[in-house]
C-alpha atoms as a PDB file:
ATOM      1  CA  MET A   1       0.000   0.000   0.000  1.00  0.00           C
ATOM      2  CA  ARG A   2       1.093   3.524  -0.727  1.00  0.00           C
ATOM      3  CA  GLY A   3       1.859   6.041   2.010  1.00  0.00           C
ATOM      4  CA  SER A   4      -1.336   7.985   1.222  1.00  0.00           C
ATOM      5  CA  ASP A   5      -3.394   4.816   1.721  1.00  0.00           C
ATOM      6  CA  VAL A   6      -1.915   4.231   5.151  1.00  0.00           C
ATOM      7  CA  LYS A   7      -2.556   7.871   6.018  1.00  0.00           C
ATOM      8  CA  TRP A   8      -6.252   7.583   5.186  1.00  0.00           C
ATOM      9  CA  LEU A   9      -6.505   4.345   7.120  1.00  0.00           C
ATOM     10  CA  TRP A  10      -5.011   5.859  10.268  1.00  0.00           C
ATOM     11  CA  ILE A  11      -7.288   8.900   9.983  1.00  0.00           C
ATOM     12  CA  PHE A  12     -10.349   6.648   9.917  1.00  0.00           C
ATOM     13  CA  THR A  13      -8.972   4.565  12.788  1.00  0.00           C
ATOM     14  CA  GLY A  14      -8.524   7.729  14.865  1.00  0.00           C
ATOM     15  CA  PHE A  15     -12.093   8.748  14.082  1.00  0.00           C
ATOM     16  CA  LEU A  16     -13.420   5.400  15.325  1.00  0.00           C
ATOM     17  CA  ALA A  17     -11.358   5.646  18.507  1.00  0.00           C
ATOM     18  CA  ALA A  18     -12.655   9.166  19.250  1.00  0.00           C
ATOM     19  CA  LEU A  19     -16.242   8.058  18.588  1.00  0.00           C
ATOM     20  CA  GLY A  20     -15.819   5.124  20.959  1.00  0.00           C
ATOM     21  CA  LEU A  21     -14.521   7.319  23.785  1.00  0.00           C
ATOM     22  CA  CYS A  22     -17.457   9.731  23.358  1.00  0.00           C
ATOM     23  CA  LEU A  23     -20.011   6.935  23.415  1.00  0.00           C
ATOM     24  CA  ILE A  24     -18.541   5.375  26.558  1.00  0.00           C
ATOM     25  CA  LEU A  25     -19.376   8.593  28.423  1.00  0.00           C
ATOM     26  CA  THR A  26     -23.100   8.129  27.667  1.00  0.00           C
ATOM     27  CA  GLY A  27     -25.678   5.546  28.871  1.00  0.00           C
ATOM     28  CA  SER A  28     -25.731   1.764  28.752  1.00  0.00           C
ATOM     29  CA  LEU A  29     -26.132   1.585  24.969  1.00  0.00           C
ATOM     30  CA  GLY A  30     -23.410   4.204  24.544  1.00  0.00           C
ATOM     31  CA  ARG A  31     -20.933   2.260  26.675  1.00  0.00           C
ATOM     32  CA  ALA A  32     -21.560  -0.997  24.839  1.00  0.00           C
ATOM     33  CA  ALA A  33     -21.336   0.671  21.437  1.00  0.00           C
ATOM     34  CA  GLY A  34     -18.307   2.675  22.538  1.00  0.00           C
ATOM     35  CA  ILE A  35     -16.414  -0.432  23.540  1.00  0.00           C
ATOM     36  CA  GLY A  36     -17.356  -2.006  20.240  1.00  0.00           C
ATOM     37  CA  THR A  37     -16.107   1.052  18.398  1.00  0.00           C
ATOM     38  CA  LEU A  38     -12.724   0.922  20.162  1.00  0.00           C
ATOM     39  CA  VAL A  39     -12.481  -2.759  19.270  1.00  0.00           C
ATOM     40  CA  SER A  40     -13.289  -1.820  15.679  1.00  0.00           C
ATOM     41  CA  ALA A  41     -10.551   0.804  15.667  1.00  0.00           C
ATOM     42  CA  ALA A  42      -7.996  -1.769  16.854  1.00  0.00           C
ATOM     43  CA  MET A  43      -9.079  -4.184  14.127  1.00  0.00           C
ATOM     44  CA  VAL A  44      -9.273  -1.770  11.226  1.00  0.00           C
ATOM     45  CA  ASN A  45      -5.625  -1.538  10.163  1.00  0.00           C
ATOM     46  CA  PRO A  46      -4.686  -5.246  10.322  1.00  0.00           C
ATOM     47  CA  VAL A  47      -7.906  -6.384   8.656  1.00  0.00           C
ATOM     48  CA  ALA A  48      -7.774  -3.759   5.934  1.00  0.00           C
ATOM     49  CA  MET A  49      -4.097  -4.478   5.215  1.00  0.00           C
ATOM     50  CA  ALA A  50      -4.721  -8.217   5.086  1.00  0.00           C
ATOM     51  CA  LEU A  51      -7.620  -7.763   2.691  1.00  0.00           C
ATOM     52  CA  GLY A  52      -5.558  -5.430   0.521  1.00  0.00           C
ATOM     53  CA  GLN A  53      -2.687  -7.873   0.311  1.00  0.00           C
ATOM     54  CA  LYS A  54      -5.044 -10.774  -0.448  1.00  0.00           C
ATOM     55  CA  PHE A  55      -6.769  -8.977  -3.297  1.00  0.00           C
ATOM     56  CA  ALA A  56      -3.474  -7.629  -4.590  1.00  0.00           C
ATOM     57  CA  MET A  57      -1.981 -11.123  -4.730  1.00  0.00           C
ATOM     58  CA  ARG A  58      -5.076 -12.726  -6.277  1.00  0.00           C
ATOM     59  CA  ARG A  59      -5.877 -10.057  -8.856  1.00  0.00           C
ATOM     60  CA  GLY A  60      -2.598  -8.334  -9.260  1.00  0.00           C
ATOM     61  CA  GLN A  61      -4.156  -5.069  -8.105  1.00  0.00           C
ATOM     62  CA  THR A  62      -3.291  -2.473  -5.514  1.00  0.00           C
ATOM     63  CA  TRP A  63      -6.076  -1.031  -3.343  1.00  0.00           C
ATOM     64  CA  THR A  64      -6.362   2.689  -3.060  1.00  0.00           C
ATOM     65  CA  GLY A  65      -6.945   4.554   0.204  1.00  0.00           C
ATOM     66  CA  ASP A  66     -10.662   4.870  -0.582  1.00  0.00           C
ATOM     67  CA  ARG A  67     -11.111   1.143  -0.808  1.00  0.00           C
ATOM     68  CA  LEU A  68      -9.175   0.555   2.366  1.00  0.00           C
ATOM     69  CA  VAL A  69     -11.395   3.027   4.225  1.00  0.00           C
ATOM     70  CA  ILE A  70     -14.534   1.312   2.890  1.00  0.00           C
ATOM     71  CA  ALA A  71     -13.253  -2.069   4.068  1.00  0.00           C
ATOM     72  CA  ALA A  72     -12.374  -0.605   7.444  1.00  0.00           C
ATOM     73  CA  ALA A  73     -15.855   0.961   7.718  1.00  0.00           C
ATOM     74  CA  ILE A  74     -17.581  -2.356   7.015  1.00  0.00           C
ATOM     75  CA  VAL A  75     -15.567  -4.180   9.661  1.00  0.00           C
ATOM     76  CA  GLY A  76     -15.740  -1.351  12.192  1.00  0.00           C
ATOM     77  CA  PHE A  77     -19.458  -0.719  12.013  1.00  0.00           C
ATOM     78  CA  ALA A  78     -20.282  -4.443  12.006  1.00  0.00           C
ATOM     79  CA  VAL A  79     -18.539  -4.757  15.372  1.00  0.00           C
ATOM     80  CA  PHE A  80     -20.108  -1.476  16.535  1.00  0.00           C
ATOM     81  CA  ILE A  81     -23.666  -2.642  15.786  1.00  0.00           C
ATOM     82  CA  ALA A  82     -23.175  -6.146  17.185  1.00  0.00           C
ATOM     83  CA  THR A  83     -21.704  -5.005  20.513  1.00  0.00           C
ATOM     84  CA  GLY A  84     -24.211  -2.159  20.811  1.00  0.00           C
ATOM     85  CA  VAL A  85     -27.222  -4.448  20.406  1.00  0.00           C
ATOM     86  CA  VAL A  86     -25.855  -7.113  22.741  1.00  0.00           C
ATOM     87  CA  GLY A  87     -24.927  -4.513  25.348  1.00  0.00           C
ATOM     88  CA  GLU A  88     -28.375  -2.939  25.214  1.00  0.00           C
ATOM     89  CA  LEU A  89     -30.157  -6.288  25.575  1.00  0.00           C
ATOM     90  CA  ARG A  90     -28.047  -7.067  28.628  1.00  0.00           C
ATOM     91  CA  SER A  91     -28.446  -3.651  30.231  1.00  0.00           C
ATOM     92  CA  PRO A  92     -30.537  -3.323  33.441  1.00  0.00           C
ATOM     93  CA  ARG A  93     -32.821  -0.759  31.812  1.00  0.00           C
ATOM     94  CA  HIS A  94     -33.798  -3.202  29.086  1.00  0.00           C
ATOM     95  CA  ALA A  95     -34.070  -6.077  31.505  1.00  0.00           C
ATOM     96  CA  LEU A  96     -36.827  -4.270  33.407  1.00  0.00           C
ATOM     97  CA  SER A  97     -39.057  -4.425  30.340  1.00  0.00           C
ATOM     98  CA  LEU A  98     -38.565  -8.161  29.784  1.00  0.00           C
ATOM     99  CA  PRO A  99     -40.881 -10.725  31.366  1.00  0.00           C
ATOM    100  CA  GLN A 100     -39.599 -11.568  34.819  1.00  0.00           C
ATOM    101  CA  THR A 101     -39.545 -15.192  35.936  1.00  0.00           C
ATOM    102  CA  MET A 102     -38.798 -16.851  39.244  1.00  0.00           C
ATOM    103  CA  SER A 103     -38.369 -20.461  40.100  1.00  0.00           C
ATOM    104  CA  GLU A 104     -40.519 -22.034  42.795  1.00  0.00           C
ATOM    105  CA  SER A 105     -37.532 -22.104  45.124  1.00  0.00           C
ATOM    106  CA  GLN A 106     -37.048 -18.359  44.636  1.00  0.00           C
ATOM    107  CA  VAL A 107     -40.738 -17.824  45.368  1.00  0.00           C
ATOM    108  CA  ARG A 108     -40.368 -19.876  48.552  1.00  0.00           C
ATOM    109  CA  ASP A 109     -37.340 -17.807  49.561  1.00  0.00           C
ATOM    110  CA  ALA A 110     -39.299 -14.593  48.981  1.00  0.00           C
ATOM    111  CA  VAL A 111     -42.213 -15.956  51.015  1.00  0.00           C
ATOM    112  CA  THR A 112     -39.856 -16.927  53.843  1.00  0.00           C
ATOM    113  CA  THR A 113     -38.289 -13.467  53.837  1.00  0.00           C
ATOM    114  CA  ALA A 114     -41.722 -11.852  53.915  1.00  0.00           C
ATOM    115  CA  GLN A 115     -42.745 -14.106  56.802  1.00  0.00           C
ATOM    116  CA  HIS A 116     -39.725 -12.994  58.834  1.00  0.00           C
ATOM    117  CA  GLN A 117     -40.467  -9.360  58.034  1.00  0.00           C
ATOM    118  CA  LEU A 118     -44.083  -9.836  59.079  1.00  0.00           C
ATOM    119  CA  ALA A 119     -42.966 -11.506  62.311  1.00  0.00           C
ATOM    120  CA  ARG A 120     -40.851  -8.429  63.076  1.00  0.00           C
ATOM    121  CA  GLY A 121     -43.963  -6.296  62.611  1.00  0.00           C
ATOM    122  CA  ASP A 122     -42.815  -4.778  59.332  1.00  0.00           C
ATOM    123  CA  ALA A 123     -45.866  -5.521  57.195  1.00  0.00           C
ATOM    124  CA  GLU A 124     -44.990  -2.710  54.798  1.00  0.00           C
ATOM    125  CA  GLN A 125     -41.647  -4.275  53.862  1.00  0.00           C
ATOM    126  CA  ALA A 126     -43.244  -7.714  53.709  1.00  0.00           C
ATOM    127  CA  SER A 127     -45.711  -6.366  51.160  1.00  0.00           C
ATOM    128  CA  VAL A 128     -42.821  -4.956  49.105  1.00  0.00           C
ATOM    129  CA  THR A 129     -41.107  -8.359  49.156  1.00  0.00           C
ATOM    130  CA  LEU A 130     -44.252 -10.146  47.990  1.00  0.00           C
ATOM    131  CA  ASN A 131     -44.762  -7.593  45.243  1.00  0.00           C
ATOM    132  CA  ARG A 132     -41.456  -8.724  43.722  1.00  0.00           C
ATOM    133  CA  ILE A 133     -42.999 -12.110  42.980  1.00  0.00           C
ATOM    134  CA  PRO A 134     -44.338 -12.076  39.389  1.00  0.00           C
ATOM    135  CA  HIS A 135     -48.096 -11.753  39.213  1.00  0.00           C
ATOM    136  CA  VAL A 136     -48.501 -15.151  37.533  1.00  0.00           C
ATOM    137  CA  LEU A 137     -46.818 -16.831  40.516  1.00  0.00           C
ATOM    138  CA  GLN A 138     -48.612 -14.949  43.287  1.00  0.00           C
ATOM    139  CA  GLY A 139     -51.428 -17.481  43.107  1.00  0.00           C
ATOM    140  CA  LEU A 140     -49.226 -20.226  44.561  1.00  0.00           C
ATOM    141  CA  PRO A 141     -50.775 -21.362  47.873  1.00  0.00           C
ATOM    142  CA  ALA A 142     -47.922 -20.201  50.117  1.00  0.00           C
ATOM    143  CA  ALA A 143     -47.732 -16.762  48.495  1.00  0.00           C
ATOM    144  CA  ALA A 144     -51.510 -16.284  48.340  1.00  0.00           C
ATOM    145  CA  GLN A 145     -52.058 -17.200  51.995  1.00  0.00           C
ATOM    146  CA  LEU A 146     -49.243 -14.957  53.163  1.00  0.00           C
ATOM    147  CA  ARG A 147     -50.512 -12.121  50.968  1.00  0.00           C
ATOM    148  CA  THR A 148     -53.849 -12.249  52.814  1.00  0.00           C
ATOM    149  CA  ARG A 149     -52.111 -12.083  56.199  1.00  0.00           C
ATOM    150  CA  VAL A 150     -49.775  -9.295  55.098  1.00  0.00           C
ATOM    151  CA  ASP A 151     -52.606  -7.188  53.671  1.00  0.00           C
ATOM    152  CA  ARG A 152     -54.609  -7.607  56.867  1.00  0.00           C
ATOM    153  CA  GLU A 153     -51.650  -6.686  59.075  1.00  0.00           C
ATOM    154  CA  LEU A 154     -50.655  -3.802  56.806  1.00  0.00           C
ATOM    155  CA  GLU A 155     -54.177  -2.422  57.053  1.00  0.00           C
ATOM    156  CA  ARG A 156     -54.000  -2.665  60.837  1.00  0.00           C
ATOM    157  CA  GLN A 157     -50.627  -0.912  60.994  1.00  0.00           C
ATOM    158  CA  LEU A 158     -51.700   1.861  58.624  1.00  0.00           C
ATOM    159  CA  ALA A 159     -55.028   2.488  60.411  1.00  0.00           C
ATOM    160  CA  PRO A 160     -53.641   5.073  62.892  1.00  0.00           C
ATOM    161  CA  ARG A 161     -52.064   7.026  60.047  1.00  0.00           C
ATOM    162  CA  LYS A 162     -55.300   6.966  58.069  1.00  0.00           C
ATOM    163  CA  ALA A 163     -57.246   8.113  61.126  1.00  0.00           C
ATOM    164  CA  ALA A 164     -54.897  11.048  61.645  1.00  0.00           C
ATOM    165  CA  ALA A 165     -55.091  11.972  57.948  1.00  0.00           C
ATOM    166  CA  PHE A 166     -58.888  11.861  58.051  1.00  0.00           C
ATOM    167  CA  ALA A 167     -59.086  14.144  61.097  1.00  0.00           C
ATOM    168  CA  GLU A 168     -56.698  16.631  59.494  1.00  0.00           C
ATOM    169  CA  ARG A 169     -58.760  16.735  56.262  1.00  0.00           C
ATOM    170  CA  VAL A 170     -62.040  17.367  58.075  1.00  0.00           C
ATOM    171  CA  ASP A 171     -61.180  21.008  58.774  1.00  0.00           C
ATOM    172  CA  SER A 172     -58.757  21.607  55.908  1.00  0.00           C
ATOM    173  CA  PHE A 173     -60.752  20.007  53.108  1.00  0.00           C
ATOM    174  CA  TRP A 174     -64.178  18.531  53.808  1.00  0.00           C
ATOM    175  CA  LEU A 175     -65.858  21.314  55.794  1.00  0.00           C
ATOM    176  CA  PRO A 176     -64.797  24.077  53.351  1.00  0.00           C
ATOM    177  CA  ARG A 177     -65.852  21.910  50.413  1.00  0.00           C
ATOM    178  CA  ILE A 178     -69.291  21.243  51.900  1.00  0.00           C
ATOM    179  CA  LYS A 179     -69.768  24.933  52.638  1.00  0.00           C
ATOM    180  CA  ALA A 180     -68.848  25.845  49.061  1.00  0.00           C
ATOM    181  CA  ALA A 181     -71.229  23.226  47.666  1.00  0.00           C
ATOM    182  CA  SER A 182     -74.075  24.565  49.810  1.00  0.00           C
ATOM    183  CA  VAL A 183     -73.861  28.008  48.210  1.00  0.00           C
ATOM    184  CA  ALA A 184     -72.865  26.920  44.703  1.00  0.00           C
ATOM    185  CA  ASN A 185     -74.343  28.723  41.728  1.00  0.00           C
ATOM    186  CA  LEU A 186     -76.659  26.123  40.173  1.00  0.00           C
ATOM    187  CA  THR A 187     -76.410  27.259  36.581  1.00  0.00           C
ATOM    188  CA  ASP A 188     -77.006  23.879  34.951  1.00  0.00           C
ATOM    189  CA  ALA A 189     -77.574  20.195  35.635  1.00  0.00           C
ATOM    190  CA  ALA A 190     -73.823  19.551  35.917  1.00  0.00           C
ATOM    191  CA  ALA A 191     -73.636  21.989  38.836  1.00  0.00           C
ATOM    192  CA  ILE A 192     -76.499  20.192  40.582  1.00  0.00           C
ATOM    193  CA  TRP A 193     -74.853  16.796  40.255  1.00  0.00           C
ATOM    194  CA  GLY A 194     -71.551  18.298  41.343  1.00  0.00           C
ATOM    195  CA  VAL A 195     -73.113  19.299  44.678  1.00  0.00           C
ATOM    196  CA  VAL A 196     -74.652  15.835  45.094  1.00  0.00           C
ATOM    197  CA  ALA A 197     -71.221  14.293  44.382  1.00  0.00           C
ATOM    198  CA  VAL A 198     -69.624  16.408  47.128  1.00  0.00           C
ATOM    199  CA  PHE A 199     -72.193  15.191  49.648  1.00  0.00           C
ATOM    200  CA  GLU A 200     -71.751  11.567  48.604  1.00  0.00           C
ATOM    201  CA  ASP A 201     -67.942  11.770  48.610  1.00  0.00           C
ATOM    202  CA  ALA A 202     -67.994  13.227  52.129  1.00  0.00           C
ATOM    203  CA  THR A 203     -70.250  10.355  53.177  1.00  0.00           C
ATOM    204  CA  SER A 204     -67.726   7.888  51.719  1.00  0.00           C
ATOM    205  CA  ALA A 205     -64.978   9.522  53.772  1.00  0.00           C
ATOM    206  CA  LEU A 206     -67.123   9.131  56.878  1.00  0.00           C
ATOM    207  CA  SER A 207     -67.857   5.509  56.023  1.00  0.00           C
ATOM    208  CA  GLU A 208     -64.154   4.698  55.694  1.00  0.00           C
ATOM    209  CA  ALA A 209     -63.293   6.602  58.881  1.00  0.00           C
ATOM    210  CA  ALA A 210     -65.979   4.701  60.810  1.00  0.00           C
ATOM    211  CA  MET A 211     -63.879   1.538  60.343  1.00  0.00           C
ATOM    212  CA  LEU A 212     -60.749   3.110  61.840  1.00  0.00           C
ATOM    213  CA  PRO A 213     -59.651   3.188  65.492  1.00  0.00           C
ATOM    214  CA  LEU A 214     -60.267   6.884  66.087  1.00  0.00           C
ATOM    215  CA  ALA A 215     -58.757   8.705  69.047  1.00  0.00           C
ATOM    216  CA  PRO A 216     -61.084  11.010  71.040  1.00  0.00           C
ATOM    217  CA  SER A 217     -60.058  14.124  69.103  1.00  0.00           C
ATOM    218  CA  GLN A 218     -60.434  12.245  65.825  1.00  0.00           C
ATOM    219  CA  ARG A 219     -63.881  11.028  66.890  1.00  0.00           C
ATOM    220  CA  GLU A 220     -64.861  14.625  67.530  1.00  0.00           C
ATOM    221  CA  ALA A 221     -63.759  15.528  63.995  1.00  0.00           C
ATOM    222  CA  PHE A 222     -65.835  12.624  62.675  1.00  0.00           C
ATOM    223  CA  GLU A 223     -68.942  13.818  64.498  1.00  0.00           C
ATOM    224  CA  ARG A 224     -68.351  17.411  63.416  1.00  0.00           C
ATOM    225  CA  LEU A 225     -68.197  16.383  59.775  1.00  0.00           C
ATOM    226  CA  ARG A 226     -71.214  14.090  60.113  1.00  0.00           C
ATOM    227  CA  ASP A 227     -73.387  16.778  61.721  1.00  0.00           C
ATOM    228  CA  THR A 228     -72.268  19.509  59.321  1.00  0.00           C
ATOM    229  CA  LEU A 229     -72.956  17.303  56.316  1.00  0.00           C
ATOM    230  CA  ALA A 230     -76.452  16.381  57.522  1.00  0.00           C
ATOM    231  CA  GLU A 231     -77.318  20.024  58.123  1.00  0.00           C
ATOM    232  CA  ALA A 232     -75.974  21.038  54.714  1.00  0.00           C
ATOM    233  CA  GLN A 233     -78.022  18.354  52.983  1.00  0.00           C
ATOM    234  CA  ILE A 234     -81.226  19.405  54.747  1.00  0.00           C
ATOM    235  CA  ALA A 235     -80.675  23.014  53.688  1.00  0.00           C
ATOM    236  CA  THR A 236     -79.454  22.296  50.143  1.00  0.00           C
ATOM    237  CA  TYR A 237     -81.481  19.425  48.689  1.00  0.00           C
ATOM    238  CA  PRO A 238     -84.749  21.469  48.455  1.00  0.00           C
ATOM    239  CA  LYS A 239     -82.837  24.096  46.441  1.00  0.00           C
ATOM    240  CA  LEU A 240     -81.370  21.390  44.202  1.00  0.00           C
ATOM    241  CA  ARG A 241     -84.812  19.953  43.531  1.00  0.00           C
ATOM    242  CA  LYS A 242     -86.302  23.347  42.761  1.00  0.00           C
ATOM    243  CA  ARG A 243     -83.501  24.187  40.361  1.00  0.00           C
ATOM    244  CA  TYR A 244     -83.694  20.732  38.759  1.00  0.00           C
ATOM    245  CA  GLY A 245     -87.393  21.337  38.008  1.00  0.00           C
ATOM    246  CA  LEU A 246     -86.608  24.622  36.279  1.00  0.00           C
ATOM    247  CA  ILE A 247     -83.835  23.060  34.187  1.00  0.00           C
ATOM    248  CA  MET A 248     -86.005  20.080  33.215  1.00  0.00           C
ATOM    249  CA  GLY A 249     -88.834  22.441  32.299  1.00  0.00           C
ATOM    250  CA  GLY A 250     -86.522  24.324  29.977  1.00  0.00           C
ATOM    251  CA  GLN A 251     -85.374  21.118  28.302  1.00  0.00           C
ATOM    252  CA  LEU A 252     -88.926  19.741  27.848  1.00  0.00           C
ATOM    253  CA  TRP A 253     -90.513  23.036  26.788  1.00  0.00           C
ATOM    254  CA  GLU A 254     -90.293  22.235  23.084  1.00  0.00           C
ATOM    255  CA  SER A 255     -92.033  18.900  23.759  1.00  0.00           C
ATOM    256  CA  GLU A 256     -94.946  20.813  25.313  1.00  0.00           C
ATOM    257  CA  VAL A 257     -94.261  19.340  28.746  1.00  0.00           C
ATOM    258  CA  ASP A 258     -94.379  21.631  31.770  1.00  0.00           C
ATOM    259  CA  VAL A 259     -92.432  20.799  34.931  1.00  0.00           C
ATOM    260  CA  SER A 260     -93.136  22.113  38.414  1.00  0.00           C
ATOM    261  CA  VAL A 261     -91.724  21.335  41.857  1.00  0.00           C
ATOM    262  CA  GLY A 262     -93.750  21.929  44.980  1.00  0.00           C
ATOM    263  CA  SER A 263     -95.286  20.599  48.200  1.00  0.00           C
ATOM    264  CA  THR A 264     -93.463  20.396  51.511  1.00  0.00           C
ATOM    265  CA  GLU A 265     -89.665  20.663  51.114  1.00  0.00           C
ATOM    266  CA  GLU A 266     -90.068  20.612  47.334  1.00  0.00           C
ATOM    267  CA  LYS A 267     -90.312  16.777  47.337  1.00  0.00           C
ATOM    268  CA  LEU A 268     -93.018  16.525  44.641  1.00  0.00           C
ATOM    269  CA  ILE A 269     -92.255  16.950  40.949  1.00  0.00           C
ATOM    270  CA  THR A 270     -95.055  17.232  38.406  1.00  0.00           C
ATOM    271  CA  PHE A 271     -94.830  16.739  34.644  1.00  0.00           C
ATOM    272  CA  SER A 272     -97.851  17.862  32.626  1.00  0.00           C
ATOM    273  CA  GLY A 273     -98.370  17.892  28.872  1.00  0.00           C
ATOM    274  CA  PHE A 274    -100.078  16.366  25.870  1.00  0.00           C
ATOM    275  CA  GLU A 275     -97.258  13.916  25.081  1.00  0.00           C
ATOM    276  CA  LEU A 276     -97.708  12.232  28.447  1.00  0.00           C
ATOM    277  CA  GLY A 277    -101.227  11.046  27.643  1.00  0.00           C
ATOM    278  CA  ALA A 278    -100.314   7.423  26.838  1.00  0.00           C
ATOM    279  CA  ARG A 279     -99.934   5.225  29.895  1.00  0.00           C
ATOM    280  CA  SER A 280     -96.959   3.324  28.423  1.00  0.00           C
ATOM    281  CA  HIS A 281     -95.278   6.606  27.585  1.00  0.00           C
ATOM    282  CA  VAL A 282     -95.638   7.747  31.190  1.00  0.00           C
ATOM    283  CA  ALA A 283     -94.171   4.480  32.501  1.00  0.00           C
ATOM    284  CA  ASP A 284     -91.187   4.668  30.155  1.00  0.00           C
ATOM    285  CA  PHE A 285     -90.589   8.311  31.003  1.00  0.00           C
ATOM    286  CA  HIS A 286     -90.688   7.589  34.748  1.00  0.00           C
ATOM    287  CA  ARG A 287     -88.276   4.666  34.490  1.00  0.00           C
ATOM    288  CA  GLY A 288     -85.808   6.982  32.788  1.00  0.00           C
ATOM    289  CA  THR A 289     -86.111   9.801  35.304  1.00  0.00           C
ATOM    290  CA  GLU A 290     -86.571   7.860  38.556  1.00  0.00           C
ATOM    291  CA  PRO A 291     -82.826   7.302  39.281  1.00  0.00           C
ATOM    292  CA  HIS A 292     -82.247  11.058  39.026  1.00  0.00           C
ATOM    293  CA  LEU A 293     -85.298  11.871  41.134  1.00  0.00           C
ATOM    294  CA  ALA A 294     -84.156   9.430  43.813  1.00  0.00           C
ATOM    295  CA  ARG A 295     -80.660  10.914  43.963  1.00  0.00           C
ATOM    296  CA  LEU A 296     -82.216  14.319  44.460  1.00  0.00           C
ATOM    297  CA  ARG A 297     -84.502  12.756  47.103  1.00  0.00           C
ATOM    298  CA  PHE A 298     -87.870  13.506  45.556  1.00  0.00           C
ATOM    299  CA  SER A 299     -90.579  11.475  47.279  1.00  0.00           C
ATOM    300  CA  ARG A 300     -93.208  11.492  44.513  1.00  0.00           C
ATOM    301  CA  ALA A 301     -93.611  12.153  40.807  1.00  0.00           C
ATOM    302  CA  GLU A 302     -96.904  13.051  39.087  1.00  0.00           C
ATOM    303  CA  TYR A 303     -97.638  12.898  35.357  1.00  0.00           C
ATOM    304  CA  ARG A 304    -100.704  14.814  34.097  1.00  0.00           C
ATOM    305  CA  LEU A 305    -102.330  15.394  30.766  1.00  0.00           C
ATOM    306  CA  THR A 306    -102.905  19.043  31.706  1.00  0.00           C
ATOM    307  CA  LYS A 307    -101.718  21.206  34.575  1.00  0.00           C
ATOM    308  CA  ASP A 308    -105.060  21.024  36.384  1.00  0.00           C
ATOM    309  CA  GLY A 309    -106.118  17.575  35.247  1.00  0.00           C
ATOM    310  CA  SER A 310    -105.677  14.168  36.796  1.00  0.00           C
ATOM    311  CA  GLY A 311    -102.834  11.863  35.972  1.00  0.00           C
ATOM    312  CA  TYR A 312    -100.576   9.128  37.247  1.00  0.00           C
ATOM    313  CA  GLN A 313     -98.585   9.156  40.466  1.00  0.00           C
ATOM    314  CA  TYR A 314     -95.421   7.249  41.321  1.00  0.00           C
ATOM    315  CA  ASP A 315     -93.784   7.053  44.717  1.00  0.00           C
ATOM    316  CA  VAL A 316     -90.013   7.455  44.642  1.00  0.00           C
ATOM    317  CA  ASP A 317     -88.023   5.341  47.075  1.00  0.00           C
ATOM    318  CA  ALA A 318     -85.585   7.955  48.354  1.00  0.00           C
ATOM    319  CA  PRO A 319     -84.065   8.732  51.763  1.00  0.00           C
ATOM    320  CA  ALA A 320     -84.753  11.831  53.826  1.00  0.00           C
ATOM    321  CA  ASP A 321     -82.663  14.896  53.056  1.00  0.00           C
ATOM    322  CA  GLY A 322     -80.664  14.604  56.262  1.00  0.00           C
ATOM    323  CA  GLU A 323     -79.844  10.895  55.893  1.00  0.00           C
ATOM    324  CA  LEU A 324     -76.213  10.274  55.007  1.00  0.00           C
ATOM    325  CA  GLY A 325     -75.340   7.740  52.332  1.00  0.00           C
ATOM    326  CA  ARG A 326     -74.531   7.276  48.672  1.00  0.00           C
ATOM    327  CA  TRP A 327     -76.042   5.538  45.673  1.00  0.00           C
ATOM    328  CA  GLU A 328     -74.333   2.451  44.302  1.00  0.00           C
ATOM    329  CA  VAL A 329     -75.766   0.636  41.272  1.00  0.00           C
ATOM    330  CA  GLY A 330     -79.206   2.097  41.866  1.00  0.00           C
ATOM    331  CA  SER A 331     -79.287   1.220  45.563  1.00  0.00           C
ATOM    332  CA  PHE A 332     -78.899   3.647  48.464  1.00  0.00           C
ATOM    333  CA  LYS A 333     -76.174   2.653  50.949  1.00  0.00           C
ATOM    334  CA  ALA A 334     -76.824   4.475  54.211  1.00  0.00           C
ATOM    335  CA  LEU A 335     -74.013   5.429  56.538  1.00  0.00           C
ATOM    336  CA  SER A 336     -74.089   3.232  59.621  1.00  0.00           C
ATOM    337  CA  SER A 337     -75.526   4.986  62.663  1.00  0.00           C
ATOM    338  CA  ALA A 338     -73.036   3.196  64.900  1.00  0.00           C
ATOM    339  CA  SER A 339     -70.286   5.276  66.458  1.00  0.00           C
ATOM    340  CA  PRO A 340     -66.820   4.962  64.894  1.00  0.00           C
ATOM    341  CA  GLY A 341     -64.194   2.779  66.506  1.00  0.00           C
END
């Protein structure tokens, strides 16, 4: 090879070496590829020279610097790609995305470790240990039984923290939220259901707190929230029903159906109009509206052909305004009247 050929070859080798050093300073893929690039740089000159000599002897030709660089590039980048891919597949980052497997003996070891942690009273760490067992293996009898015990103990250990968090949120979150809901601007149906959701969410918080071992001060916070919520519901539900009647009337106006809300505490809603004349139509209409009427705690719905005429009446199975509870799958779940623990 001529001196110019060797010069080009060493320039390319230096480039590969510099690239390898830069890549090593980066992440897992960079280190693997960088090492491969340095290996490529070390291989370039001998391989390229050997190939040049072989072709020169066989064909009586002499390779130019360009051809030597091309040969070096093929060898160098083949090693670069191979080591980069292998290094990436073996890196911890990639391993986290691959399916994790454990043998039964490893599962038993994890269960034993969790048992010791549970015996020391560290249910939280025991839960972490069990969570390392792949989901498909957590159904093994030993792991499943221990999981039940750990969850029960973890719930017991976390109960005081949950009780303290509940008491703190009574004054900082729930009471202000209930007050805001009680004076909300009921511009549309979404605003009405937003107020109902606040009342039901507060009831859920009370229901969860009732299962906790509350200290005296925490029990006082529970009772304060319970009493405030009941009073807010008694004052607010009549306004929600009245506003709901006005909104429904506006929506049904084009169908020539008038809607009015009246009687004691606004618990009666009346629909009157020509389209409600058919008995089957009335029944279908009531089935569609009854869940909403019950959530707003209407006690009765009337459907009349005209405003002053007779019609059909349906009782609505709904709790009193001051009763605490929430609706689940069409059924009202009342808050237990028993004192919290």
